[in-house]
Amino acid sequence: MEQVPKAVKLNPQSGEVVQEFEQDRLDPFHVPYSGPSYRIQCGACGLNEDERLFMRF
């Protein structure tokens, strides 16, 4: 699964998106995503993790 980060500001009461941010213009309370670009899902159990976890098996 490809990880595509999207920074947004949500309304705390309704959960609706109030504002969307570009990755190069985040406000001070947003931290840019630094996780893996892809994650792997196990076909047997459905576990969704970084591919390095599955390389060990």
N, C-alpha and C. Protein backbone atom coordinates (compact mmCIF):
# COMPACT_ATOMS: atom_id res chain seq x y z
N MET A 1 0.84 -1.17 0.00
CA MET A 1 0.00 0.00 0.00
C MET A 1 0.89 1.23 0.00
N GLU A 2 0.59 2.14 -0.89
CA GLU A 2 1.37 3.36 -0.95
C GLU A 2 0.85 4.35 0.10
N GLN A 3 1.78 4.95 0.85
CA GLN A 3 1.43 5.92 1.87
C GLN A 3 1.49 7.31 1.25
N VAL A 4 0.36 8.00 1.19
CA VAL A 4 0.29 9.35 0.62
C VAL A 4 -0.19 10.29 1.73
N PRO A 5 0.74 10.99 2.39
CA PRO A 5 0.32 11.85 3.50
C PRO A 5 -0.43 13.08 3.01
N LYS A 6 -1.40 13.50 3.82
CA LYS A 6 -2.20 14.69 3.50
C LYS A 6 -2.45 15.42 4.82
N ALA A 7 -1.84 16.60 4.97
CA ALA A 7 -2.00 17.37 6.20
C ALA A 7 -3.28 18.19 6.14
N VAL A 8 -4.13 18.03 7.14
CA VAL A 8 -5.40 18.76 7.19
C VAL A 8 -5.66 19.27 8.61
N LYS A 9 -6.53 20.26 8.70
CA LYS A 9 -7.00 20.75 9.99
C LYS A 9 -8.47 20.36 10.08
N LEU A 10 -8.86 19.69 11.18
CA LEU A 10 -10.21 19.20 11.34
C LEU A 10 -10.99 20.02 12.35
N ASN A 11 -12.29 20.12 12.14
CA ASN A 11 -13.18 20.74 13.11
C ASN A 11 -13.34 19.74 14.26
N PRO A 12 -13.02 20.11 15.51
CA PRO A 12 -13.08 19.15 16.62
C PRO A 12 -14.49 18.63 16.93
N GLN A 13 -15.52 19.40 16.63
CA GLN A 13 -16.88 18.94 16.92
C GLN A 13 -17.43 18.02 15.83
N SER A 14 -17.24 18.39 14.58
CA SER A 14 -17.85 17.62 13.48
C SER A 14 -16.88 16.65 12.81
N GLY A 15 -15.57 16.91 12.92
CA GLY A 15 -14.58 16.06 12.25
C GLY A 15 -14.40 16.39 10.79
N GLU A 16 -15.07 17.44 10.32
CA GLU A 16 -14.95 17.84 8.91
C GLU A 16 -13.62 18.56 8.67
N VAL A 17 -13.12 18.45 7.45
CA VAL A 17 -11.88 19.12 7.07
C VAL A 17 -12.14 20.62 6.95
N VAL A 18 -11.38 21.41 7.71
CA VAL A 18 -11.51 22.86 7.70
C VAL A 18 -10.50 23.48 6.74
N GLN A 19 -9.28 22.90 6.73
CA GLN A 19 -8.21 23.45 5.90
C GLN A 19 -7.26 22.33 5.49
N GLU A 20 -6.76 22.40 4.26
CA GLU A 20 -5.75 21.46 3.77
C GLU A 20 -4.43 22.21 3.63
N PHE A 21 -3.34 21.55 3.98
CA PHE A 21 -2.01 22.15 3.91
C PHE A 21 -1.16 21.43 2.88
N GLU A 22 -0.29 22.17 2.20
CA GLU A 22 0.69 21.57 1.30
C GLU A 22 1.87 21.12 2.15
N GLN A 23 2.57 20.09 1.70
CA GLN A 23 3.69 19.55 2.47
C GLN A 23 4.78 20.58 2.74
N ASP A 24 4.99 21.52 1.83
CA ASP A 24 6.05 22.51 2.03
C ASP A 24 5.57 23.73 2.81
N ARG A 25 4.27 23.80 3.13
CA ARG A 25 3.73 24.96 3.85
C ARG A 25 2.85 24.49 5.02
N LEU A 26 3.41 23.71 5.92
CA LEU A 26 2.67 23.24 7.09
C LEU A 26 2.69 24.30 8.17
N ASP A 27 1.62 24.34 8.99
CA ASP A 27 1.65 25.28 10.10
C ASP A 27 2.49 24.68 11.24
N PRO A 28 2.83 25.45 12.27
CA PRO A 28 3.74 24.98 13.33
C PRO A 28 3.28 23.73 14.08
N PHE A 29 1.98 23.42 14.07
CA PHE A 29 1.47 22.27 14.80
C PHE A 29 1.47 20.99 13.99
N HIS A 30 1.83 21.05 12.72
CA HIS A 30 1.89 19.86 11.87
C HIS A 30 3.34 19.41 11.72
N VAL A 31 3.55 18.12 11.81
CA VAL A 31 4.86 17.52 11.61
C VAL A 31 4.80 16.75 10.30
N PRO A 32 5.74 16.98 9.38
CA PRO A 32 5.70 16.25 8.11
C PRO A 32 5.85 14.74 8.32
N TYR A 33 5.15 13.97 7.50
CA TYR A 33 5.21 12.50 7.57
C TYR A 33 6.61 12.03 7.23
N SER A 34 7.16 11.17 8.08
CA SER A 34 8.51 10.66 7.84
C SER A 34 8.55 9.14 7.83
N GLY A 35 7.40 8.52 7.63
CA GLY A 35 7.33 7.06 7.61
C GLY A 35 7.69 6.49 6.25
N PRO A 36 7.51 5.19 6.09
CA PRO A 36 7.85 4.55 4.82
C PRO A 36 6.90 4.95 3.69
N SER A 37 7.39 4.88 2.46
CA SER A 37 6.57 5.21 1.29
C SER A 37 5.54 4.12 1.03
N TYR A 38 5.89 2.89 1.35
CA TYR A 38 5.00 1.75 1.11
C TYR A 38 4.89 0.91 2.37
N ARG A 39 3.73 0.30 2.56
CA ARG A 39 3.52 -0.67 3.64
C ARG A 39 2.98 -1.94 2.99
N ILE A 40 3.22 -3.06 3.64
CA ILE A 40 2.83 -4.37 3.11
C ILE A 40 1.73 -4.95 4.00
N GLN A 41 0.72 -5.57 3.37
CA GLN A 41 -0.34 -6.22 4.13
C GLN A 41 -0.20 -7.73 3.98
N CYS A 42 -0.18 -8.44 5.10
CA CYS A 42 -0.07 -9.89 5.11
C CYS A 42 -1.36 -10.50 4.56
N GLY A 43 -1.22 -11.43 3.62
CA GLY A 43 -2.38 -12.08 3.03
C GLY A 43 -3.05 -13.07 3.97
N ALA A 44 -2.32 -13.56 4.97
CA ALA A 44 -2.88 -14.56 5.89
C ALA A 44 -3.62 -13.93 7.07
N CYS A 45 -3.00 -12.90 7.68
CA CYS A 45 -3.61 -12.34 8.90
C CYS A 45 -4.09 -10.90 8.75
N GLY A 46 -3.71 -10.22 7.66
CA GLY A 46 -4.17 -8.85 7.44
C GLY A 46 -3.31 -7.79 8.10
N LEU A 47 -2.21 -8.19 8.74
CA LEU A 47 -1.31 -7.24 9.39
C LEU A 47 -0.77 -6.26 8.36
N ASN A 48 -0.75 -4.97 8.68
CA ASN A 48 -0.32 -3.92 7.77
C ASN A 48 0.90 -3.24 8.39
N GLU A 49 2.11 -3.57 7.89
CA GLU A 49 3.34 -3.07 8.49
C GLU A 49 4.36 -2.69 7.43
N ASP A 50 5.48 -2.12 7.88
CA ASP A 50 6.60 -1.78 7.02
C ASP A 50 7.19 -3.07 6.45
N GLU A 51 7.69 -3.01 5.21
CA GLU A 51 8.19 -4.22 4.56
C GLU A 51 9.38 -4.83 5.29
N ARG A 52 10.12 -4.06 6.09
CA ARG A 52 11.26 -4.62 6.82
C ARG A 52 10.82 -5.69 7.82
N LEU A 53 9.60 -5.57 8.36
CA LEU A 53 9.08 -6.58 9.28
C LEU A 53 8.94 -7.92 8.57
N PHE A 54 8.46 -7.92 7.33
CA PHE A 54 8.22 -9.16 6.60
C PHE A 54 9.51 -9.75 6.02
N MET A 55 10.56 -8.94 5.86
CA MET A 55 11.84 -9.45 5.37
C MET A 55 12.48 -10.41 6.36
N ARG A 56 12.17 -10.27 7.64
CA ARG A 56 12.76 -11.13 8.67
C ARG A 56 12.25 -12.55 8.59
N PHE A 57 11.05 -12.74 8.00
CA PHE A 57 10.45 -14.08 7.98
C PHE A 57 10.90 -14.83 6.80
